[in-house]
Amino acid sequence: MNNMKSGSRAPKRRTVGVMGGSFNPVHIGHLMVASYVRQWGGLDEVWLSLTPRNPFKVTDTELLADSDRLKMLEIAAHNDCALRVTDVELTMPQPNYSIDTLRHLNSLYPDTDFRLIIGSDNWLEWHRWRAHDEILREFGVIVYPRPGYEVSDEALPAGASLIKAPTTDISSTFVREAIAAGRDMNCFLPHGVFDYIRTHGLYSAK
């Protein structure tokens, strides 16, 4: 017997893009891409997923603690209700791969369709990703352009799509080096992030 009331509808499924990264630190280029892909890519939300410290690079002194990078992400996404921050990768066994993250998120949120968001630089290395065919088949991939890494929309396989998001040459490396040199990066970072960096003395020249 169908117990559903007449005229009622099943809950609408959400479509969420997952944009992972070290965000060391998060900058306006990250938010620009995330916002564009959400609005022009037909997504309900974009989740910024913090990648933990690589256990094989424990001597990488440029990578801040997970807690600092997570806090800056939360500050950056605070004023945008369609951008969320997830620390799910910090709770998973390491080393962790994107397919593991997506499947774990799918188990936690069965009412949500997830899409992986990556730059064209990563797409050119797609064949090296763990279970890349499964990611395409089970979730799908949205590719955004990165300067110097050309990808043809016609050459993409089923499950992948290219979105013509605006490009920027701003990188986390540029931001870190500029801060170490004493530059004012307030206009290059989301509101509140540079204040957090200065308050905690992050990325300062030794």
N, C-alpha and C. Protein backbone atom coordinates (compact mmCIF):
# COMPACT_ATOMS: atom_id res chain seq x y z
N MET A 1 0.85 -1.20 0.00
CA MET A 1 0.00 0.00 0.00
C MET A 1 0.88 1.24 0.00
N ASN A 2 0.48 2.21 -0.76
CA ASN A 2 1.21 3.47 -0.82
C ASN A 2 0.70 4.39 0.28
N ASN A 3 1.57 4.66 1.30
CA ASN A 3 1.16 5.48 2.43
C ASN A 3 1.42 6.97 2.20
N MET A 4 2.01 7.32 1.02
CA MET A 4 2.30 8.71 0.74
C MET A 4 1.00 9.47 0.55
N LYS A 5 0.88 10.63 1.19
CA LYS A 5 -0.33 11.43 1.08
C LYS A 5 -0.48 11.94 -0.35
N SER A 6 -1.73 12.06 -0.76
CA SER A 6 -2.03 12.55 -2.09
C SER A 6 -1.45 13.94 -2.29
N GLY A 7 -0.73 14.13 -3.40
CA GLY A 7 -0.16 15.43 -3.71
C GLY A 7 1.21 15.67 -3.11
N SER A 8 1.67 14.80 -2.19
CA SER A 8 2.99 15.00 -1.59
C SER A 8 4.07 14.53 -2.55
N ARG A 9 5.25 15.06 -2.38
CA ARG A 9 6.35 14.73 -3.27
C ARG A 9 7.56 14.27 -2.46
N ALA A 10 8.37 13.44 -3.09
CA ALA A 10 9.61 13.02 -2.45
C ALA A 10 10.54 14.22 -2.34
N PRO A 11 11.38 14.27 -1.28
CA PRO A 11 12.30 15.40 -1.12
C PRO A 11 13.19 15.57 -2.34
N LYS A 12 13.42 16.80 -2.74
CA LYS A 12 14.27 17.09 -3.89
C LYS A 12 15.72 16.76 -3.57
N ARG A 13 16.37 16.06 -4.46
CA ARG A 13 17.77 15.73 -4.27
C ARG A 13 18.63 16.96 -4.54
N ARG A 14 19.67 17.11 -3.76
CA ARG A 14 20.62 18.19 -3.97
C ARG A 14 21.76 17.73 -4.87
N THR A 15 22.35 18.68 -5.57
CA THR A 15 23.57 18.40 -6.32
C THR A 15 24.66 19.30 -5.76
N VAL A 16 25.70 18.68 -5.25
CA VAL A 16 26.77 19.40 -4.54
C VAL A 16 28.11 19.14 -5.22
N GLY A 17 28.85 20.20 -5.48
CA GLY A 17 30.20 20.07 -6.00
C GLY A 17 31.21 20.02 -4.85
N VAL A 18 32.17 19.14 -4.95
CA VAL A 18 33.21 19.01 -3.93
C VAL A 18 34.53 19.49 -4.50
N MET A 19 35.07 20.54 -3.91
CA MET A 19 36.32 21.14 -4.37
C MET A 19 37.36 20.96 -3.27
N GLY A 20 38.27 20.04 -3.47
CA GLY A 20 39.26 19.73 -2.46
C GLY A 20 40.55 20.50 -2.67
N GLY A 21 41.33 20.60 -1.62
CA GLY A 21 42.62 21.28 -1.73
C GLY A 21 43.26 21.48 -0.37
N SER A 22 44.53 21.89 -0.40
CA SER A 22 45.23 22.18 0.86
C SER A 22 44.86 23.57 1.38
N PHE A 23 44.45 24.48 0.48
CA PHE A 23 44.02 25.82 0.87
C PHE A 23 45.03 26.44 1.83
N ASN A 24 46.23 26.65 1.32
CA ASN A 24 47.37 27.05 2.17
C ASN A 24 48.00 28.36 1.72
N PRO A 25 47.25 29.50 1.81
CA PRO A 25 45.92 29.65 2.39
C PRO A 25 44.86 29.72 1.29
N VAL A 26 43.59 29.71 1.71
CA VAL A 26 42.49 29.96 0.78
C VAL A 26 42.59 31.40 0.29
N HIS A 27 42.36 31.65 -1.01
CA HIS A 27 42.44 33.00 -1.55
C HIS A 27 41.21 33.28 -2.41
N ILE A 28 41.12 34.50 -2.94
CA ILE A 28 39.91 34.89 -3.67
C ILE A 28 39.73 34.08 -4.95
N GLY A 29 40.82 33.55 -5.52
CA GLY A 29 40.70 32.71 -6.70
C GLY A 29 39.90 31.45 -6.42
N HIS A 30 40.12 30.86 -5.24
CA HIS A 30 39.37 29.66 -4.86
C HIS A 30 37.87 29.97 -4.78
N LEU A 31 37.53 31.07 -4.11
CA LEU A 31 36.12 31.41 -3.94
C LEU A 31 35.48 31.82 -5.25
N MET A 32 36.25 32.49 -6.11
CA MET A 32 35.73 32.90 -7.41
C MET A 32 35.32 31.67 -8.22
N VAL A 33 36.19 30.66 -8.27
CA VAL A 33 35.88 29.44 -9.01
C VAL A 33 34.70 28.71 -8.38
N ALA A 34 34.72 28.57 -7.05
CA ALA A 34 33.65 27.84 -6.37
C ALA A 34 32.29 28.50 -6.62
N SER A 35 32.24 29.83 -6.52
CA SER A 35 31.00 30.54 -6.73
C SER A 35 30.53 30.44 -8.18
N TYR A 36 31.46 30.55 -9.12
CA TYR A 36 31.09 30.47 -10.54
C TYR A 36 30.56 29.08 -10.88
N VAL A 37 31.26 28.06 -10.46
CA VAL A 37 30.85 26.69 -10.78
C VAL A 37 29.48 26.40 -10.18
N ARG A 38 29.22 26.89 -8.97
CA ARG A 38 27.91 26.67 -8.38
C ARG A 38 26.80 27.34 -9.20
N GLN A 39 27.02 28.60 -9.55
CA GLN A 39 25.96 29.36 -10.21
C GLN A 39 25.76 28.99 -11.67
N TRP A 40 26.86 28.75 -12.38
CA TRP A 40 26.77 28.43 -13.81
C TRP A 40 26.81 26.94 -14.08
N GLY A 41 27.11 26.15 -13.05
CA GLY A 41 27.20 24.71 -13.24
C GLY A 41 25.99 23.95 -12.75
N GLY A 42 24.96 24.67 -12.35
CA GLY A 42 23.73 24.01 -11.92
C GLY A 42 23.82 23.27 -10.61
N LEU A 43 24.67 23.76 -9.69
CA LEU A 43 24.84 23.11 -8.39
C LEU A 43 24.05 23.84 -7.32
N ASP A 44 23.60 23.10 -6.32
CA ASP A 44 22.92 23.72 -5.19
C ASP A 44 23.93 24.32 -4.21
N GLU A 45 25.05 23.64 -4.03
CA GLU A 45 26.10 24.11 -3.12
C GLU A 45 27.45 23.64 -3.64
N VAL A 46 28.51 24.27 -3.14
CA VAL A 46 29.87 23.78 -3.32
C VAL A 46 30.47 23.61 -1.94
N TRP A 47 31.05 22.44 -1.70
CA TRP A 47 31.70 22.17 -0.43
C TRP A 47 33.21 22.21 -0.63
N LEU A 48 33.88 23.02 0.17
CA LEU A 48 35.33 23.12 0.15
C LEU A 48 35.88 22.10 1.13
N SER A 49 36.58 21.10 0.60
CA SER A 49 37.05 19.98 1.41
C SER A 49 38.55 20.11 1.67
N LEU A 50 38.90 20.28 2.94
CA LEU A 50 40.31 20.47 3.31
C LEU A 50 41.07 19.15 3.26
N THR A 51 42.17 19.16 2.51
CA THR A 51 43.04 17.99 2.43
C THR A 51 44.04 18.03 3.58
N PRO A 52 44.20 16.94 4.32
CA PRO A 52 45.12 16.94 5.46
C PRO A 52 46.57 16.95 5.03
N ARG A 53 47.43 17.15 6.00
CA ARG A 53 48.86 17.11 5.74
C ARG A 53 49.24 15.75 5.18
N ASN A 54 49.98 15.77 4.08
CA ASN A 54 50.44 14.52 3.48
C ASN A 54 51.42 13.83 4.43
N PRO A 55 51.11 12.58 4.87
CA PRO A 55 51.99 11.91 5.82
C PRO A 55 53.38 11.66 5.28
N PHE A 56 53.55 11.73 3.96
CA PHE A 56 54.86 11.51 3.36
C PHE A 56 55.64 12.81 3.21
N LYS A 57 55.02 13.94 3.64
CA LYS A 57 55.69 15.24 3.54
C LYS A 57 55.65 15.96 4.88
N VAL A 58 56.01 15.22 5.93
CA VAL A 58 55.94 15.79 7.27
C VAL A 58 56.96 16.90 7.48
N THR A 59 57.95 16.98 6.60
CA THR A 59 58.97 18.03 6.73
C THR A 59 58.60 19.28 5.93
N ASP A 60 57.42 19.28 5.31
CA ASP A 60 56.97 20.43 4.54
C ASP A 60 56.56 21.54 5.49
N THR A 61 57.47 22.47 5.77
CA THR A 61 57.21 23.52 6.75
C THR A 61 56.30 24.60 6.23
N GLU A 62 56.04 24.64 4.91
CA GLU A 62 55.15 25.67 4.35
C GLU A 62 53.68 25.33 4.56
N LEU A 63 53.37 24.07 4.83
CA LEU A 63 51.98 23.67 5.01
C LEU A 63 51.59 23.88 6.47
N LEU A 64 50.62 24.77 6.68
CA LEU A 64 50.18 25.07 8.03
C LEU A 64 49.44 23.88 8.64
N ALA A 65 49.25 23.95 9.94
CA ALA A 65 48.48 22.93 10.65
C ALA A 65 47.06 22.88 10.09
N ASP A 66 46.46 21.69 10.14
CA ASP A 66 45.10 21.53 9.65
C ASP A 66 44.15 22.53 10.31
N SER A 67 44.33 22.77 11.60
CA SER A 67 43.42 23.64 12.34
C SER A 67 43.45 25.07 11.82
N ASP A 68 44.62 25.58 11.45
CA ASP A 68 44.71 26.95 10.93
C ASP A 68 44.10 27.04 9.53
N ARG A 69 44.39 26.08 8.69
CA ARG A 69 43.84 26.11 7.33
C ARG A 69 42.32 25.94 7.35
N LEU A 70 41.82 25.10 8.27
CA LEU A 70 40.38 24.91 8.40
C LEU A 70 39.71 26.20 8.89
N LYS A 71 40.33 26.85 9.86
CA LYS A 71 39.75 28.10 10.38
C LYS A 71 39.69 29.16 9.29
N MET A 72 40.72 29.28 8.48
CA MET A 72 40.69 30.27 7.41
C MET A 72 39.62 29.96 6.38
N LEU A 73 39.41 28.66 6.10
CA LEU A 73 38.34 28.27 5.19
C LEU A 73 36.97 28.66 5.75
N GLU A 74 36.78 28.43 7.03
CA GLU A 74 35.51 28.77 7.66
C GLU A 74 35.26 30.27 7.63
N ILE A 75 36.32 31.06 7.85
CA ILE A 75 36.19 32.51 7.77
C ILE A 75 35.82 32.92 6.35
N ALA A 76 36.47 32.30 5.36
CA ALA A 76 36.25 32.65 3.96
C ALA A 76 34.83 32.36 3.51
N ALA A 77 34.27 31.25 3.96
CA ALA A 77 32.94 30.82 3.50
C ALA A 77 31.81 31.35 4.38
N HIS A 78 32.15 32.10 5.40
CA HIS A 78 31.18 32.51 6.40
C HIS A 78 30.00 33.29 5.82
N ASN A 79 30.26 34.15 4.86
CA ASN A 79 29.21 35.04 4.34
C ASN A 79 28.50 34.52 3.10
N ASP A 80 28.77 33.29 2.70
CA ASP A 80 28.14 32.72 1.51
C ASP A 80 27.40 31.45 1.92
N CYS A 81 26.07 31.51 1.90
CA CYS A 81 25.28 30.37 2.38
C CYS A 81 25.34 29.17 1.44
N ALA A 82 25.84 29.37 0.21
CA ALA A 82 25.92 28.26 -0.75
C ALA A 82 27.30 27.64 -0.80
N LEU A 83 28.24 28.16 -0.01
CA LEU A 83 29.56 27.56 0.14
C LEU A 83 29.68 26.98 1.54
N ARG A 84 30.07 25.73 1.60
CA ARG A 84 30.25 25.08 2.90
C ARG A 84 31.66 24.53 3.01
N VAL A 85 32.10 24.36 4.23
CA VAL A 85 33.41 23.79 4.50
C VAL A 85 33.21 22.42 5.13
N THR A 86 33.92 21.42 4.63
CA THR A 86 33.85 20.10 5.23
C THR A 86 35.25 19.64 5.63
N ASP A 87 35.33 19.09 6.82
CA ASP A 87 36.60 18.54 7.32
C ASP A 87 36.60 17.02 7.26
N VAL A 88 35.73 16.47 6.42
CA VAL A 88 35.55 15.02 6.38
C VAL A 88 36.86 14.28 6.09
N GLU A 89 37.72 14.86 5.26
CA GLU A 89 38.97 14.18 4.93
C GLU A 89 39.92 14.11 6.12
N LEU A 90 39.76 15.01 7.07
CA LEU A 90 40.63 15.00 8.25
C LEU A 90 40.28 13.84 9.18
N THR A 91 39.07 13.29 9.02
CA THR A 91 38.61 12.22 9.91
C THR A 91 38.79 10.84 9.29
N MET A 92 39.27 10.78 8.05
CA MET A 92 39.36 9.50 7.34
C MET A 92 40.77 8.93 7.43
N PRO A 93 40.89 7.60 7.32
CA PRO A 93 42.22 6.98 7.33
C PRO A 93 43.07 7.51 6.18
N GLN A 94 44.37 7.63 6.44
CA GLN A 94 45.30 8.14 5.44
C GLN A 94 46.25 7.04 4.97
N PRO A 95 46.74 7.12 3.73
CA PRO A 95 46.43 8.15 2.74
C PRO A 95 45.01 7.98 2.20
N ASN A 96 44.40 9.10 1.85
CA ASN A 96 43.03 9.13 1.39
C ASN A 96 42.98 9.59 -0.07
N TYR A 97 42.05 9.03 -0.82
CA TYR A 97 41.91 9.38 -2.23
C TYR A 97 40.51 9.96 -2.47
N SER A 98 40.38 10.71 -3.56
CA SER A 98 39.12 11.39 -3.86
C SER A 98 37.95 10.41 -3.94
N ILE A 99 38.17 9.24 -4.50
CA ILE A 99 37.09 8.26 -4.60
C ILE A 99 36.60 7.87 -3.21
N ASP A 100 37.53 7.77 -2.24
CA ASP A 100 37.15 7.44 -0.86
C ASP A 100 36.31 8.56 -0.26
N THR A 101 36.75 9.80 -0.49
CA THR A 101 36.02 10.96 0.05
C THR A 101 34.61 11.02 -0.51
N LEU A 102 34.48 10.87 -1.82
CA LEU A 102 33.17 10.96 -2.45
C LEU A 102 32.23 9.84 -1.99
N ARG A 103 32.76 8.64 -1.88
CA ARG A 103 31.92 7.52 -1.43
C ARG A 103 31.52 7.69 0.03
N HIS A 104 32.42 8.23 0.83
CA HIS A 104 32.10 8.46 2.24
C HIS A 104 31.02 9.54 2.37
N LEU A 105 31.18 10.62 1.61
CA LEU A 105 30.17 11.67 1.63
C LEU A 105 28.82 11.14 1.16
N ASN A 106 28.85 10.28 0.14
CA ASN A 106 27.61 9.70 -0.38
C ASN A 106 26.91 8.84 0.66
N SER A 107 27.70 8.15 1.50
CA SER A 107 27.10 7.34 2.56
C SER A 107 26.52 8.20 3.67
N LEU A 108 27.14 9.37 3.90
CA LEU A 108 26.65 10.28 4.94
C LEU A 108 25.43 11.07 4.49
N TYR A 109 25.38 11.37 3.19
CA TYR A 109 24.29 12.20 2.64
C TYR A 109 23.68 11.49 1.42
N PRO A 110 22.90 10.44 1.65
CA PRO A 110 22.35 9.65 0.53
C PRO A 110 21.35 10.42 -0.32
N ASP A 111 20.89 11.58 0.15
CA ASP A 111 19.94 12.39 -0.62
C ASP A 111 20.64 13.39 -1.52
N THR A 112 21.96 13.26 -1.65
CA THR A 112 22.76 14.26 -2.37
C THR A 112 23.55 13.60 -3.50
N ASP A 113 23.56 14.25 -4.66
CA ASP A 113 24.41 13.83 -5.77
C ASP A 113 25.67 14.69 -5.75
N PHE A 114 26.81 14.05 -5.65
CA PHE A 114 28.08 14.77 -5.55
C PHE A 114 28.81 14.79 -6.89
N ARG A 115 29.47 15.90 -7.17
CA ARG A 115 30.32 16.06 -8.34
C ARG A 115 31.69 16.54 -7.86
N LEU A 116 32.74 16.00 -8.43
CA LEU A 116 34.09 16.43 -8.10
C LEU A 116 34.47 17.63 -8.97
N ILE A 117 35.03 18.67 -8.36
CA ILE A 117 35.47 19.86 -9.08
C ILE A 117 36.99 19.89 -9.08
N ILE A 118 37.60 19.94 -10.27
CA ILE A 118 39.07 19.99 -10.36
C ILE A 118 39.48 20.98 -11.44
N GLY A 119 40.72 21.45 -11.36
CA GLY A 119 41.27 22.33 -12.37
C GLY A 119 41.78 21.55 -13.57
N SER A 120 41.95 22.25 -14.68
CA SER A 120 42.42 21.59 -15.90
C SER A 120 43.83 21.03 -15.74
N ASP A 121 44.62 21.61 -14.83
CA ASP A 121 45.95 21.07 -14.57
C ASP A 121 45.85 19.66 -14.00
N ASN A 122 44.89 19.45 -13.10
CA ASN A 122 44.69 18.11 -12.55
C ASN A 122 44.06 17.17 -13.56
N TRP A 123 43.20 17.72 -14.44
CA TRP A 123 42.58 16.85 -15.44
C TRP A 123 43.62 16.25 -16.37
N LEU A 124 44.66 17.00 -16.70
CA LEU A 124 45.70 16.47 -17.59
C LEU A 124 46.48 15.33 -16.94
N GLU A 125 46.35 15.18 -15.63
CA GLU A 125 46.96 14.07 -14.91
C GLU A 125 45.91 13.05 -14.46
N TRP A 126 44.71 13.17 -15.02
CA TRP A 126 43.58 12.37 -14.55
C TRP A 126 43.84 10.87 -14.60
N HIS A 127 44.57 10.44 -15.60
CA HIS A 127 44.83 9.00 -15.75
C HIS A 127 45.63 8.43 -14.59
N ARG A 128 46.25 9.29 -13.81
CA ARG A 128 47.07 8.84 -12.67
C ARG A 128 46.26 8.80 -11.38
N TRP A 129 45.03 9.29 -11.39
CA TRP A 129 44.22 9.33 -10.18
C TRP A 129 43.70 7.93 -9.84
N ARG A 130 43.63 7.64 -8.56
CA ARG A 130 43.08 6.36 -8.11
C ARG A 130 41.61 6.24 -8.49
N ALA A 131 41.26 5.14 -9.14
CA ALA A 131 39.87 4.82 -9.50
C ALA A 131 39.22 5.95 -10.29
N HIS A 132 39.96 6.52 -11.25
CA HIS A 132 39.42 7.67 -11.99
C HIS A 132 38.19 7.31 -12.81
N ASP A 133 38.15 6.08 -13.34
CA ASP A 133 36.97 5.67 -14.10
C ASP A 133 35.74 5.55 -13.21
N GLU A 134 35.96 5.08 -11.97
CA GLU A 134 34.85 4.95 -11.04
C GLU A 134 34.31 6.31 -10.62
N ILE A 135 35.20 7.29 -10.48
CA ILE A 135 34.76 8.64 -10.13
C ILE A 135 33.84 9.19 -11.23
N LEU A 136 34.26 9.01 -12.48
CA LEU A 136 33.44 9.49 -13.60
C LEU A 136 32.09 8.78 -13.64
N ARG A 137 32.11 7.50 -13.43
CA ARG A 137 30.89 6.71 -13.55
C ARG A 137 29.92 6.95 -12.38
N GLU A 138 30.46 7.05 -11.17
CA GLU A 138 29.60 7.13 -9.99
C GLU A 138 29.22 8.57 -9.61
N PHE A 139 30.09 9.54 -9.97
CA PHE A 139 29.86 10.90 -9.48
C PHE A 139 29.90 11.96 -10.59
N GLY A 140 30.87 11.90 -11.43
CA GLY A 140 31.05 12.93 -12.44
C GLY A 140 32.06 13.97 -12.01
N VAL A 141 32.64 14.64 -13.00
CA VAL A 141 33.70 15.62 -12.75
C VAL A 141 33.41 16.91 -13.50
N ILE A 142 33.58 18.02 -12.83
CA ILE A 142 33.49 19.34 -13.45
C ILE A 142 34.89 19.92 -13.50
N VAL A 143 35.34 20.25 -14.70
CA VAL A 143 36.70 20.76 -14.90
C VAL A 143 36.64 22.26 -15.17
N TYR A 144 37.42 23.03 -14.44
CA TYR A 144 37.51 24.47 -14.69
C TYR A 144 38.90 24.80 -15.22
N PRO A 145 39.03 25.83 -16.05
CA PRO A 145 40.32 26.13 -16.69
C PRO A 145 41.34 26.71 -15.72
N ARG A 146 42.59 26.33 -15.93
CA ARG A 146 43.73 26.93 -15.24
C ARG A 146 44.68 27.46 -16.30
N PRO A 147 45.26 28.65 -16.09
CA PRO A 147 46.17 29.24 -17.10
C PRO A 147 47.31 28.29 -17.45
N GLY A 148 47.50 28.08 -18.74
CA GLY A 148 48.60 27.24 -19.21
C GLY A 148 48.26 25.77 -19.34
N TYR A 149 47.02 25.38 -19.01
CA TYR A 149 46.63 23.97 -19.07
C TYR A 149 45.33 23.87 -19.89
N GLU A 150 45.49 23.75 -21.19
CA GLU A 150 44.34 23.76 -22.08
C GLU A 150 43.67 22.38 -22.14
N VAL A 151 42.35 22.39 -22.06
CA VAL A 151 41.55 21.18 -22.16
C VAL A 151 40.43 21.43 -23.16
N SER A 152 40.24 20.50 -24.07
CA SER A 152 39.17 20.62 -25.06
C SER A 152 37.91 19.95 -24.56
N ASP A 153 36.81 20.68 -24.63
CA ASP A 153 35.52 20.13 -24.19
C ASP A 153 35.14 18.89 -24.99
N GLU A 154 35.46 18.90 -26.29
CA GLU A 154 35.11 17.78 -27.15
C GLU A 154 35.86 16.51 -26.80
N ALA A 155 37.01 16.66 -26.16
CA ALA A 155 37.85 15.49 -25.85
C ALA A 155 37.49 14.84 -24.51
N LEU A 156 36.58 15.45 -23.77
CA LEU A 156 36.24 14.91 -22.46
C LEU A 156 35.35 13.68 -22.59
N PRO A 157 35.57 12.69 -21.74
CA PRO A 157 34.74 11.47 -21.79
C PRO A 157 33.40 11.69 -21.11
N ALA A 158 32.54 10.71 -21.20
CA ALA A 158 31.26 10.76 -20.50
C ALA A 158 31.50 10.87 -19.00
N GLY A 159 30.73 11.73 -18.36
CA GLY A 159 30.89 11.93 -16.92
C GLY A 159 31.70 13.15 -16.57
N ALA A 160 32.36 13.74 -17.57
CA ALA A 160 33.17 14.94 -17.34
C ALA A 160 32.63 16.09 -18.16
N SER A 161 32.68 17.29 -17.60
CA SER A 161 32.25 18.48 -18.32
C SER A 161 33.20 19.63 -18.01
N LEU A 162 33.36 20.51 -18.99
CA LEU A 162 34.22 21.67 -18.85
C LEU A 162 33.37 22.91 -18.67
N ILE A 163 33.69 23.71 -17.66
CA ILE A 163 32.96 24.94 -17.42
C ILE A 163 33.91 26.11 -17.62
N LYS A 164 33.46 27.12 -18.34
CA LYS A 164 34.33 28.23 -18.74
C LYS A 164 34.42 29.28 -17.63
N ALA A 165 34.89 28.87 -16.48
CA ALA A 165 35.04 29.80 -15.36
C ALA A 165 36.17 30.78 -15.63
N PRO A 166 36.08 32.01 -15.10
CA PRO A 166 37.17 32.97 -15.25
C PRO A 166 38.45 32.43 -14.63
N THR A 167 39.58 32.78 -15.20
CA THR A 167 40.86 32.29 -14.69
C THR A 167 41.61 33.41 -13.98
N THR A 168 42.48 33.01 -13.08
CA THR A 168 43.34 33.96 -12.36
C THR A 168 44.68 33.31 -12.11
N ASP A 169 45.72 34.12 -12.09
CA ASP A 169 47.06 33.60 -11.82
C ASP A 169 47.40 33.63 -10.33
N ILE A 170 46.46 34.04 -9.49
CA ILE A 170 46.71 34.05 -8.06
C ILE A 170 46.85 32.61 -7.57
N SER A 171 47.87 32.36 -6.78
CA SER A 171 48.09 31.04 -6.21
C SER A 171 48.43 31.18 -4.73
N SER A 172 48.27 30.10 -4.00
CA SER A 172 48.63 30.11 -2.58
C SER A 172 50.12 30.34 -2.40
N THR A 173 50.92 29.81 -3.34
CA THR A 173 52.37 30.03 -3.26
C THR A 173 52.69 31.51 -3.38
N PHE A 174 52.06 32.20 -4.35
CA PHE A 174 52.25 33.64 -4.52
C PHE A 174 51.87 34.39 -3.25
N VAL A 175 50.74 34.02 -2.65
CA VAL A 175 50.27 34.70 -1.44
C VAL A 175 51.26 34.48 -0.30
N ARG A 176 51.72 33.26 -0.10
CA ARG A 176 52.66 32.98 0.99
C ARG A 176 53.94 33.78 0.82
N GLU A 177 54.47 33.78 -0.41
CA GLU A 177 55.72 34.49 -0.65
C GLU A 177 55.56 36.00 -0.46
N ALA A 178 54.41 36.51 -0.87
CA ALA A 178 54.15 37.94 -0.71
C ALA A 178 54.04 38.32 0.76
N ILE A 179 53.37 37.50 1.55
CA ILE A 179 53.25 37.77 2.98
C ILE A 179 54.62 37.72 3.65
N ALA A 180 55.42 36.72 3.28
CA ALA A 180 56.77 36.61 3.84
C ALA A 180 57.62 37.82 3.51
N ALA A 181 57.32 38.45 2.37
CA ALA A 181 58.07 39.64 1.95
C ALA A 181 57.48 40.93 2.52
N GLY A 182 56.44 40.80 3.33
CA GLY A 182 55.86 41.96 3.97
C GLY A 182 54.81 42.68 3.16
N ARG A 183 54.28 42.06 2.11
CA ARG A 183 53.26 42.69 1.28
C ARG A 183 51.89 42.64 1.96
N ASP A 184 51.04 43.58 1.59
CA ASP A 184 49.66 43.60 2.08
C ASP A 184 48.80 42.76 1.14
N MET A 185 48.30 41.64 1.64
CA MET A 185 47.52 40.72 0.83
C MET A 185 46.03 40.78 1.14
N ASN A 186 45.60 41.84 1.76
CA ASN A 186 44.20 41.93 2.17
C ASN A 186 43.23 41.81 1.00
N CYS A 187 43.59 42.41 -0.13
CA CYS A 187 42.69 42.38 -1.30
C CYS A 187 42.79 41.08 -2.09
N PHE A 188 43.74 40.24 -1.75
CA PHE A 188 43.92 38.97 -2.45
C PHE A 188 43.27 37.80 -1.69
N LEU A 189 42.80 38.07 -0.49
CA LEU A 189 42.25 37.02 0.37
C LEU A 189 40.81 37.35 0.75
N PRO A 190 39.99 36.34 1.01
CA PRO A 190 38.62 36.60 1.45
C PRO A 190 38.60 37.43 2.73
N HIS A 191 37.53 38.18 2.91
CA HIS A 191 37.42 39.07 4.06
C HIS A 191 37.66 38.32 5.38
N GLY A 192 38.57 38.85 6.17
CA GLY A 192 38.85 38.27 7.48
C GLY A 192 40.03 37.33 7.51
N VAL A 193 40.42 36.78 6.36
CA VAL A 193 41.51 35.79 6.34
C VAL A 193 42.86 36.45 6.60
N PHE A 194 43.12 37.61 5.98
CA PHE A 194 44.40 38.26 6.20
C PHE A 194 44.54 38.71 7.65
N ASP A 195 43.45 39.15 8.27
CA ASP A 195 43.49 39.52 9.68
C ASP A 195 43.88 38.32 10.53
N TYR A 196 43.32 37.16 10.20
CA TYR A 196 43.66 35.94 10.95
C TYR A 196 45.14 35.61 10.78
N ILE A 197 45.64 35.74 9.55
CA ILE A 197 47.05 35.45 9.28
C ILE A 197 47.96 36.37 10.08
N ARG A 198 47.65 37.68 10.08
CA ARG A 198 48.49 38.64 10.80
C ARG A 198 48.40 38.43 12.31
N THR A 199 47.19 38.16 12.79
CA THR A 199 47.02 37.96 14.24
C THR A 199 47.83 36.80 14.75
N HIS A 200 47.93 35.76 13.93
CA HIS A 200 48.62 34.53 14.38
C HIS A 200 50.05 34.43 13.82
N GLY A 201 50.48 35.47 13.12
CA GLY A 201 51.86 35.49 12.62
C GLY A 201 52.17 34.37 11.64
N LEU A 202 51.23 34.06 10.74
CA LEU A 202 51.42 32.95 9.82
C LEU A 202 52.14 33.41 8.56
N TYR A 203 52.93 32.54 7.99
CA TYR A 203 53.67 32.76 6.74
C TYR A 203 54.69 33.90 6.83
N SER A 204 55.01 34.32 8.01
CA SER A 204 55.96 35.43 8.16
C SER A 204 57.36 34.98 7.80
N ALA A 205 58.15 35.95 7.27
CA ALA A 205 59.55 35.64 6.96
C ALA A 205 60.29 35.34 8.25
N LYS A 206 61.14 34.33 8.19
CA LYS A 206 61.94 33.95 9.37
C LYS A 206 63.06 34.95 9.59
